Structures are given as structure tokens and as C-alpha cells.
């Protein structure tokens, strides 16, 4: 895919997310975190940081915003006073479920442009790219 088309698709993706997420008063910055916390609550903040592609400061800002908005609770770990445990609130669960629906809606919109054979080919291509990159970076199966 050429870079210009890829850039435009990313712009549409961001626009779609921003339009849908603002209805629930959550930003694109917080969306991946609330989803992850929803599925893994309670979770150590260090685990959260290591499982995302964003910089630690980005994660900290997003966590602080979600705590301020009442979506999560951040508490000192009882085992290690230097670390934090993140738990989702009832309000956070409702938002996380909406975020997941929005992400599913995006995927359905994108996939609706393709027939089943094209979707199968695309999945095969993604798998080949993934395996090549995994080989390049010499990562074993434990990192999947």
C-alpha cells in the first residue's frame, strides 16, 4: 500500500474514533488502556506499561486522566510500595464495553469493503508479515 493511501486511512481511523469516543467523554489516548484494564483488572501499572507501544509518560497521563474521570482506581501495591495496581470501576466497565463496540464497528466498516476471499487473503498476508518480522527480531513463541 502506498504511503499516501496508508496515511489517509489512518486519518479516517482517527476521525472515526474521535467522533465515536467523544460521545462517551473518552479520548483516543485513553481508549486502548481502558480496554486493556477492563480485560485484566486488576493489573499492575508496570505490566500495563510493558504491554502497550506507547511511551511510559503517555501511559501515566492516560491513567491519571481516567482516574480523574472515575473510570479506574489507582492504588499503591501492598506487595511493593513503589508500584501501583489499577482496577476498573463500574463506570469504567460501561465505557470499556462501549470502546470495544466502537473498535468492532471500525473493523466491520473496514472489512465490509472486502469479500470473504479477500479477507482470507489479507489475513494470510498479515500472518506472513508477522512471521517475517518475528524472525527478523528473533523472537520466540513466548512473545506472541
Protein backbone atom coordinates (compact mmCIF):
# COMPACT_ATOMS: atom_id res chain seq x y z
CA UNK A 1 0.00 0.00 0.00
CA UNK A 2 1.42 3.35 -0.85
CA UNK A 3 2.28 5.73 1.98
CA UNK A 4 -0.22 8.37 0.89
CA UNK A 5 -3.14 5.92 0.98
CA UNK A 6 -1.95 4.48 4.32
CA UNK A 7 -1.80 7.98 5.78
CA UNK A 8 -5.33 8.76 4.61
CA UNK A 9 -6.69 5.50 6.06
CA UNK A 10 -5.06 6.37 9.39
CA UNK A 11 -6.66 9.82 9.28
CA UNK A 12 -10.06 8.25 8.69
CA UNK A 13 -9.43 5.82 11.55
CA UNK A 14 -8.53 8.63 13.96
CA UNK A 15 -11.51 10.68 12.81
CA UNK A 16 -13.87 7.72 13.28
CA UNK A 17 -12.56 7.04 16.78
CA UNK A 18 -12.64 10.68 17.87
CA UNK A 19 -16.21 11.14 16.65
CA UNK A 20 -17.47 7.98 18.34
CA UNK A 21 -15.44 8.24 21.56
CA UNK A 22 -16.41 11.84 22.33
CA UNK A 23 -19.97 10.63 22.88
CA UNK A 24 -18.64 8.75 25.92
CA UNK A 25 -16.26 11.51 27.03
CA UNK A 26 -13.14 9.46 26.45
CA UNK A 27 -10.23 10.29 24.18
CA UNK A 28 -8.23 8.20 21.75
CA UNK A 29 -5.35 8.36 24.24
CA UNK A 30 -7.32 6.52 26.94
CA UNK A 31 -9.22 4.04 24.75
CA UNK A 32 -6.55 1.31 24.43
CA UNK A 33 -5.82 1.48 28.16
CA UNK A 34 -9.41 1.23 29.36
CA UNK A 35 -9.89 -1.78 27.09
CA UNK A 36 -6.78 -3.50 28.45
CA UNK A 37 -7.63 -2.69 32.08
CA UNK A 38 -11.17 -4.00 31.51
CA UNK A 39 -9.82 -7.36 30.37
CA UNK A 40 -7.06 -7.65 33.00
CA UNK A 41 -8.30 -5.75 36.07
CA UNK A 42 -6.67 -5.57 38.49
CA UNK A 43 -3.39 -5.04 36.67
CA UNK A 44 -0.01 -3.75 37.77
CA UNK A 45 0.81 -0.40 36.20
CA UNK A 46 4.22 -1.74 35.12
CA UNK A 47 2.50 -4.60 33.30
CA UNK A 48 0.20 -2.15 31.58
CA UNK A 49 3.16 -0.01 30.51
CA UNK A 50 5.05 -3.01 29.14
CA UNK A 51 2.04 -4.24 27.14
CA UNK A 52 1.48 -1.10 25.09
CA UNK A 53 3.53 0.52 22.34
CA UNK A 54 3.33 3.97 23.88
CA UNK A 55 5.91 5.77 26.00
CA UNK A 56 5.63 5.46 29.78
CA UNK A 57 4.73 9.15 30.10
CA UNK A 58 1.81 8.66 27.70
CA UNK A 59 0.54 5.80 29.84
CA UNK A 60 0.90 7.81 33.03
CA UNK A 61 -1.07 10.74 31.57
CA UNK A 62 -3.83 8.43 30.33
CA UNK A 63 -4.04 6.62 33.68
CA UNK A 64 -4.20 9.90 35.58
CA UNK A 65 -6.98 11.19 33.31
CA UNK A 66 -9.01 8.00 33.68
CA UNK A 67 -8.57 8.10 37.45
CA UNK A 68 -9.74 11.73 37.49
CA UNK A 69 -12.77 10.72 35.38
CA UNK A 70 -13.66 7.92 37.79
CA UNK A 71 -13.06 5.11 35.29
CA UNK A 72 -10.29 3.41 37.26
CA UNK A 73 -8.80 3.26 40.75
CA UNK A 74 -5.02 3.50 41.12
CA UNK A 75 -3.68 2.22 44.43
CA UNK A 76 -0.23 1.52 45.83
CA UNK A 77 0.60 -2.16 45.68
CA UNK A 78 0.52 -3.90 49.05
CA UNK A 79 3.44 -6.10 47.95
CA UNK A 80 5.64 -3.35 46.51
CA UNK A 81 5.06 0.22 47.70
CA UNK A 82 6.91 1.54 44.61
CA UNK A 83 4.31 0.18 42.20
CA UNK A 84 0.60 0.69 41.56
CA UNK A 85 -2.34 -1.60 40.96
CA UNK A 86 -5.02 -0.41 38.53
CA UNK A 87 -8.63 -1.56 38.91
CA UNK A 88 -11.62 -0.67 36.79
CA UNK A 89 -14.73 0.94 38.27
CA UNK A 90 -18.35 0.20 37.31
CA UNK A 91 -18.34 3.40 35.29
CA UNK A 92 -15.11 2.26 33.61
CA UNK A 93 -16.65 -1.10 32.71
CA UNK A 94 -19.51 0.64 30.90
CA UNK A 95 -17.07 2.86 28.99
CA UNK A 96 -14.77 -0.08 28.15
CA UNK A 97 -17.69 -2.00 26.70
CA UNK A 98 -18.57 1.00 24.53
CA UNK A 99 -14.93 1.37 23.43
CA UNK A 100 -14.88 -2.29 22.39
CA UNK A 101 -18.09 -1.80 20.40
CA UNK A 102 -16.57 1.24 18.64
CA UNK A 103 -13.43 -0.73 17.77
CA UNK A 104 -15.60 -3.58 16.45
CA UNK A 105 -17.64 -1.09 14.41
CA UNK A 106 -14.43 0.24 12.79
CA UNK A 107 -13.25 -3.27 11.95
CA UNK A 108 -16.65 -4.13 10.48
CA UNK A 109 -16.62 -0.94 8.39
CA UNK A 110 -13.17 -1.69 7.02
CA UNK A 111 -13.94 -5.36 6.41
CA UNK A 112 -17.18 -4.51 4.60
CA UNK A 113 -15.06 -3.28 1.67
CA UNK A 114 -13.79 -6.83 1.09
CA UNK A 115 -15.38 -10.14 0.20
CA UNK A 116 -14.59 -13.30 2.19
CA UNK A 117 -11.85 -14.44 -0.18
CA UNK A 118 -10.14 -11.04 0.08
CA UNK A 119 -10.44 -11.12 3.89
CA UNK A 120 -8.83 -14.57 3.92
CA UNK A 121 -6.01 -13.34 1.68
CA UNK A 122 -5.48 -10.29 3.84
CA UNK A 123 -5.25 -12.44 6.97
CA UNK A 124 -2.75 -14.70 5.23
CA UNK A 125 -0.66 -11.69 4.20
CA UNK A 126 -0.73 -10.26 7.73
CA UNK A 127 0.38 -13.62 9.13
CA UNK A 128 3.28 -13.79 6.64
CA UNK A 129 4.40 -10.26 7.53
CA UNK A 130 4.11 -11.04 11.24
CA UNK A 131 6.20 -14.22 10.91
CA UNK A 132 8.87 -12.39 8.89
CA UNK A 133 9.11 -9.60 11.45
CA UNK A 134 9.16 -12.11 14.30
CA UNK A 135 12.03 -13.93 12.57
CA UNK A 136 13.85 -10.66 11.90
CA UNK A 137 13.68 -9.65 15.54
CA UNK A 138 14.49 -13.22 16.60
CA UNK A 139 11.54 -13.54 18.94
CA UNK A 140 10.34 -16.92 20.07
CA UNK A 141 6.80 -18.16 20.51
CA UNK A 142 6.76 -16.91 24.12
CA UNK A 143 6.30 -13.33 22.86
CA UNK A 144 3.06 -13.88 20.94
